[in-house]
Amino acid sequence: MELFDSHSHIDVDAFDADRDAVMARARDAGVIGQLVPAIAAAGWPRLRDVCATYPGELHAAYGMHPMYLDEHRPEHLEQLRDWLQDPGCVAVGEIGLDYFVETLDRERQQFYFDAQLQLAREFDLPVIVHARRAVDAVIASLKKIDGLRGIVHSFAGSSEQAQQLWKMGFLLGIGGPVTYERAQRLRGLVATMPLEHLVLETDSPDQPDSGWRGQRNEPARLTAILAAIAELRGESPEAIATVTTANAMQLLKLQRS
């Protein structure tokens, strides 16, 4: 099977000591590619360098994460314009809105989100969207700009919200949370949703699956997520792997190396 991890932060410090070993385990698990979204402008050079170390396997997305609002400056948006023209860039991300953390200023979040959506449209790049307790606000923002496409990462919304996103051509990133039995709404959605709107993710080093709870997550754990989804849907892992990998690679305009 060939798997694609549509959300991996393998560039962060948590992997500095053993990144080569983590990559080897991912390959052994069938992970042929990973999308690596940025967090803040200060990390863009490092992200580029890590992805360049594993050509054809790691693919960069540049953007400003809403949870790191204090690090963002308006001038970073102009810098982002240059980074989006880097040959290794395949998406704008991680961008979005986070209403779970109450201390994050919503107006400033919206300013950066809207500006980055405009850049994505200008450069015809997909967006990798963070939408924690803010799915309706994210949908409203996406609807303001025609022609956007992308992934809503770690989707945790309702079926009605999911259907709105599908109609706009968006994919849902599903990861570790689907492996927990208490996530009944998410599991019900994944069991019945159209496969053409599904991509797999680990969000490494965060959001470990139920069989790996409390440990540093890594891309090789994508197989556990695949197994859980296959069981929920009553379909073969091979069939789900084939379609979800194709979904991710088509969105990002990637070719198999």
Protein backbone atom coordinates (compact mmCIF):
# COMPACT_ATOMS: atom_id res chain seq x y z
CA MET A 1 0.00 0.00 0.00
CA GLU A 2 1.02 3.58 -0.64
CA LEU A 3 -0.05 6.12 1.99
CA PHE A 4 0.19 9.90 2.10
CA ASP A 5 0.34 11.82 5.39
CA SER A 6 -1.46 15.05 4.59
CA HIS A 7 -0.40 16.77 7.83
CA SER A 8 2.95 16.15 9.48
CA HIS A 9 5.10 18.62 11.44
CA ILE A 10 8.22 16.50 11.05
CA ASP A 11 10.34 19.66 10.82
CA VAL A 12 9.87 20.54 14.51
CA ASP A 13 12.38 20.08 17.34
CA ALA A 14 10.67 16.91 18.59
CA PHE A 15 12.21 15.01 15.66
CA ASP A 16 15.69 16.50 15.65
CA ALA A 17 17.31 13.57 17.47
CA ASP A 18 16.00 10.79 15.21
CA ARG A 19 14.39 12.27 12.10
CA ASP A 20 16.14 9.81 9.78
CA ALA A 21 14.82 6.86 11.81
CA VAL A 22 11.31 8.35 11.84
CA MET A 23 11.45 8.72 8.07
CA ALA A 24 12.67 5.14 7.68
CA ARG A 25 9.78 3.82 9.79
CA ALA A 26 7.36 5.85 7.69
CA ARG A 27 8.73 4.34 4.49
CA ASP A 28 8.50 0.85 5.96
CA ALA A 29 4.84 1.57 6.78
CA GLY A 30 4.15 2.54 3.17
CA VAL A 31 4.11 6.31 3.62
CA ILE A 32 5.36 7.64 0.28
CA GLY A 33 4.85 11.33 1.03
CA GLN A 34 4.12 13.88 3.73
CA LEU A 35 2.79 17.42 3.60
CA VAL A 36 4.63 19.56 6.14
CA PRO A 37 2.74 22.76 7.05
CA ALA A 38 4.49 25.76 8.60
CA ILE A 39 3.61 27.45 11.88
CA ALA A 40 5.21 30.91 11.74
CA ALA A 41 7.58 32.94 9.57
CA ALA A 42 10.60 32.23 11.78
CA GLY A 43 10.32 28.53 10.93
CA TRP A 44 10.04 28.81 7.15
CA PRO A 45 13.78 28.47 6.40
CA ARG A 46 14.11 25.42 8.62
CA LEU A 47 11.02 23.85 7.05
CA ARG A 48 12.47 24.37 3.58
CA ASP A 49 15.77 22.79 4.61
CA VAL A 50 14.17 19.74 6.23
CA CYS A 51 11.99 19.12 3.18
CA ALA A 52 15.00 19.49 0.88
CA THR A 53 16.77 16.77 2.87
CA TYR A 54 14.08 14.27 1.81
CA PRO A 55 13.24 15.25 -1.78
CA GLY A 56 10.14 13.65 -3.19
CA GLU A 57 8.97 12.61 0.28
CA LEU A 58 8.43 15.86 2.21
CA HIS A 59 6.44 18.69 0.64
CA ALA A 60 6.30 22.16 2.15
CA ALA A 61 3.36 24.42 2.90
CA TYR A 62 4.10 27.94 4.09
CA GLY A 63 1.77 29.98 6.24
CA MET A 64 0.94 31.39 9.67
CA HIS A 65 -0.89 29.24 12.21
CA PRO A 66 -3.63 31.01 14.21
CA MET A 67 -2.38 29.63 17.54
CA TYR A 68 0.93 31.46 17.08
CA LEU A 69 -0.73 34.83 16.64
CA ASP A 70 1.77 36.68 18.87
CA GLU A 71 4.59 35.77 16.48
CA HIS A 72 2.88 37.11 13.35
CA ARG A 73 3.49 40.55 11.90
CA PRO A 74 1.81 42.22 8.89
CA GLU A 75 5.15 42.33 7.08
CA HIS A 76 5.28 38.54 7.22
CA LEU A 77 2.46 38.49 4.68
CA GLU A 78 4.69 40.21 2.13
CA GLN A 79 7.48 37.74 2.96
CA LEU A 80 4.99 34.89 2.52
CA ARG A 81 4.34 36.06 -1.02
CA ASP A 82 7.98 35.30 -1.81
CA TRP A 83 7.98 31.94 -0.02
CA LEU A 84 4.92 30.79 -1.93
CA GLN A 85 7.00 31.07 -5.09
CA ASP A 86 9.61 28.64 -3.75
CA PRO A 87 9.82 25.60 -6.06
CA GLY A 88 9.20 23.23 -3.15
CA CYS A 89 5.98 24.93 -2.00
CA VAL A 90 2.79 23.01 -2.74
CA ALA A 91 0.24 24.70 -0.43
CA VAL A 92 -0.53 27.59 1.91
CA GLY A 93 -0.69 26.47 5.51
CA GLU A 94 -1.21 25.97 8.27
CA ILE A 95 -3.73 28.80 8.35
CA GLY A 96 -7.19 29.22 9.85
CA LEU A 97 -9.12 30.15 12.96
CA ASP A 98 -8.97 28.85 16.53
CA TYR A 99 -11.84 29.72 18.85
CA PHE A 100 -10.90 27.09 21.43
CA VAL A 101 -8.12 29.24 22.91
CA GLU A 102 -10.11 32.15 24.30
CA THR A 103 -7.10 34.48 24.63
CA LEU A 104 -6.47 34.51 20.87
CA ASP A 105 -7.82 37.73 19.38
CA ARG A 106 -10.44 36.73 16.83
CA GLU A 107 -10.21 39.92 14.80
CA ARG A 108 -6.44 39.53 14.31
CA GLN A 109 -6.88 35.86 13.47
CA GLN A 110 -9.40 36.81 10.82
CA PHE A 111 -7.06 39.44 9.37
CA TYR A 112 -4.25 36.93 8.80
CA PHE A 113 -6.60 34.18 7.63
CA ASP A 114 -8.29 36.37 5.03
CA ALA A 115 -4.97 37.73 3.78
CA GLN A 116 -3.52 34.25 3.37
CA LEU A 117 -6.63 33.01 1.57
CA GLN A 118 -6.18 35.85 -0.90
CA LEU A 119 -2.57 34.82 -1.47
CA ALA A 120 -3.62 31.21 -2.01
CA ARG A 121 -6.08 32.32 -4.65
CA GLU A 122 -3.52 34.59 -6.28
CA PHE A 123 -0.95 31.79 -6.54
CA ASP A 124 -3.54 29.06 -7.23
CA LEU A 125 -2.39 26.99 -4.27
CA PRO A 126 -4.49 24.78 -1.99
CA VAL A 127 -4.94 25.81 1.64
CA ILE A 128 -4.34 23.69 4.74
CA VAL A 129 -6.90 24.94 7.23
CA HIS A 130 -7.01 24.78 11.03
CA ALA A 131 -10.62 25.14 12.25
CA ARG A 132 -10.88 24.40 15.95
CA ARG A 133 -14.36 25.26 17.24
CA ALA A 134 -14.54 27.69 14.34
CA VAL A 135 -15.82 25.62 11.43
CA ASP A 136 -18.74 27.95 10.63
CA ALA A 137 -16.47 30.99 10.64
CA VAL A 138 -13.97 29.17 8.44
CA ILE A 139 -16.69 28.19 5.96
CA ALA A 140 -17.91 31.78 5.83
CA SER A 141 -14.38 32.98 5.11
CA LEU A 142 -13.81 30.39 2.38
CA LYS A 143 -17.07 31.31 0.67
CA LYS A 144 -15.92 34.91 0.23
CA ILE A 145 -13.25 33.88 -2.29
CA ASP A 146 -14.16 31.86 -5.37
CA GLY A 147 -11.93 29.05 -6.53
CA LEU A 148 -10.31 28.02 -3.28
CA ARG A 149 -9.50 24.37 -2.61
CA GLY A 150 -7.73 22.52 0.15
CA ILE A 151 -7.96 20.43 3.30
CA VAL A 152 -9.70 21.18 6.58
CA HIS A 153 -7.23 19.53 8.90
CA SER A 154 -8.33 17.42 11.88
CA PHE A 155 -11.97 17.94 11.00
CA ALA A 156 -14.27 17.78 14.02
CA GLY A 157 -17.42 19.45 12.75
CA SER A 158 -20.91 18.25 11.94
CA SER A 159 -22.11 16.36 8.90
CA GLU A 160 -23.89 19.52 7.72
CA GLN A 161 -20.63 21.48 7.91
CA ALA A 162 -18.82 18.67 6.13
CA GLN A 163 -21.35 18.73 3.31
CA GLN A 164 -20.85 22.47 2.86
CA LEU A 165 -17.11 21.94 2.56
CA TRP A 166 -17.52 19.08 0.08
CA LYS A 167 -19.71 21.26 -2.12
CA MET A 168 -16.85 23.77 -2.18
CA GLY A 169 -14.44 21.04 -3.22
CA PHE A 170 -12.63 20.71 0.11
CA LEU A 171 -11.18 17.54 1.59
CA LEU A 172 -11.36 16.52 5.25
CA GLY A 173 -8.16 15.51 7.04
CA ILE A 174 -8.81 12.62 9.42
CA GLY A 175 -6.24 11.43 11.95
CA GLY A 176 -5.77 10.01 15.43
CA PRO A 177 -9.06 11.21 16.96
CA VAL A 178 -11.05 8.80 14.74
CA THR A 179 -9.43 5.86 16.55
CA TYR A 180 -11.04 6.78 19.89
CA GLU A 181 -14.41 5.18 20.55
CA ARG A 182 -15.69 8.27 22.35
CA ALA A 183 -15.45 10.27 19.10
CA GLN A 184 -18.84 9.01 18.00
CA ARG A 185 -19.85 11.93 15.79
CA LEU A 186 -16.55 11.88 13.92
CA ARG A 187 -16.60 8.10 13.55
CA GLY A 188 -20.14 8.19 12.22
CA LEU A 189 -19.19 10.80 9.64
CA VAL A 190 -16.09 8.93 8.50
CA ALA A 191 -18.05 5.68 8.21
CA THR A 192 -20.39 7.13 5.59
CA MET A 193 -18.68 10.11 3.94
CA PRO A 194 -17.72 10.09 0.25
CA LEU A 195 -14.23 8.64 -0.02
CA GLU A 196 -13.25 11.21 -2.64
CA HIS A 197 -13.29 13.90 0.08
CA LEU A 198 -11.09 12.03 2.58
CA VAL A 199 -7.36 12.32 3.25
CA LEU A 200 -5.35 10.73 6.05
CA GLU A 201 -3.10 12.59 8.47
CA THR A 202 -1.15 12.09 11.68
CA ASP A 203 -0.48 15.70 12.78
CA SER A 204 2.83 14.37 14.09
CA PRO A 205 4.12 14.85 16.75
CA ASP A 206 0.63 15.65 18.10
CA GLN A 207 -2.72 13.81 18.21
CA PRO A 208 -1.51 10.19 18.64
CA ASP A 209 -3.99 7.42 17.91
CA SER A 210 -5.60 5.39 20.69
CA GLY A 211 -2.94 2.68 20.45
CA TRP A 212 -0.17 5.24 20.87
CA ARG A 213 -1.71 7.62 23.40
CA GLY A 214 0.69 9.69 25.48
CA GLN A 215 3.57 9.15 23.08
CA ARG A 216 5.15 11.28 20.39
CA ASN A 217 3.15 10.71 17.24
CA GLU A 218 4.90 9.98 13.94
CA PRO A 219 3.93 9.36 10.31
CA ALA A 220 4.32 5.56 10.53
CA ARG A 221 1.21 5.59 12.74
CA LEU A 222 -0.85 6.42 9.65
CA THR A 223 -1.44 2.67 9.34
CA ALA A 224 -3.39 2.68 12.62
CA ILE A 225 -5.63 5.46 11.33
CA LEU A 226 -6.13 3.61 8.07
CA ALA A 227 -7.07 0.42 9.92
CA ALA A 228 -9.64 2.23 12.07
CA ILE A 229 -11.26 3.90 9.06
CA ALA A 230 -11.33 0.62 7.11
CA GLU A 231 -13.10 -1.09 10.01
CA LEU A 232 -15.62 1.74 10.38
CA ARG A 233 -16.43 1.68 6.68
CA GLY A 234 -16.31 -2.08 6.19
CA GLU A 235 -13.88 -1.61 3.33
CA SER A 236 -10.39 -2.89 2.63
CA PRO A 237 -7.42 -0.83 3.82
CA GLU A 238 -5.94 -1.18 0.36
CA ALA A 239 -8.94 0.47 -1.30
CA ILE A 240 -8.97 3.36 1.17
CA ALA A 241 -5.21 3.83 0.87
CA THR A 242 -5.44 4.00 -2.91
CA VAL A 243 -8.16 6.63 -2.99
CA THR A 244 -6.92 8.83 -0.11
CA THR A 245 -3.37 8.91 -1.46
CA ALA A 246 -4.67 9.85 -4.90
CA ASN A 247 -6.86 12.55 -3.32
CA ALA A 248 -3.89 14.16 -1.58
CA MET A 249 -1.53 13.96 -4.52
CA GLN A 250 -4.09 15.31 -6.95
CA LEU A 251 -4.88 18.26 -4.68
CA LEU A 252 -1.19 19.10 -4.25
CA LYS A 253 -0.39 18.42 -7.91
CA LEU A 254 2.26 15.88 -7.02
CA GLN A 255 3.61 13.05 -9.13
CA ARG A 256 4.88 9.75 -7.77
CA SER A 257 8.67 9.81 -7.70
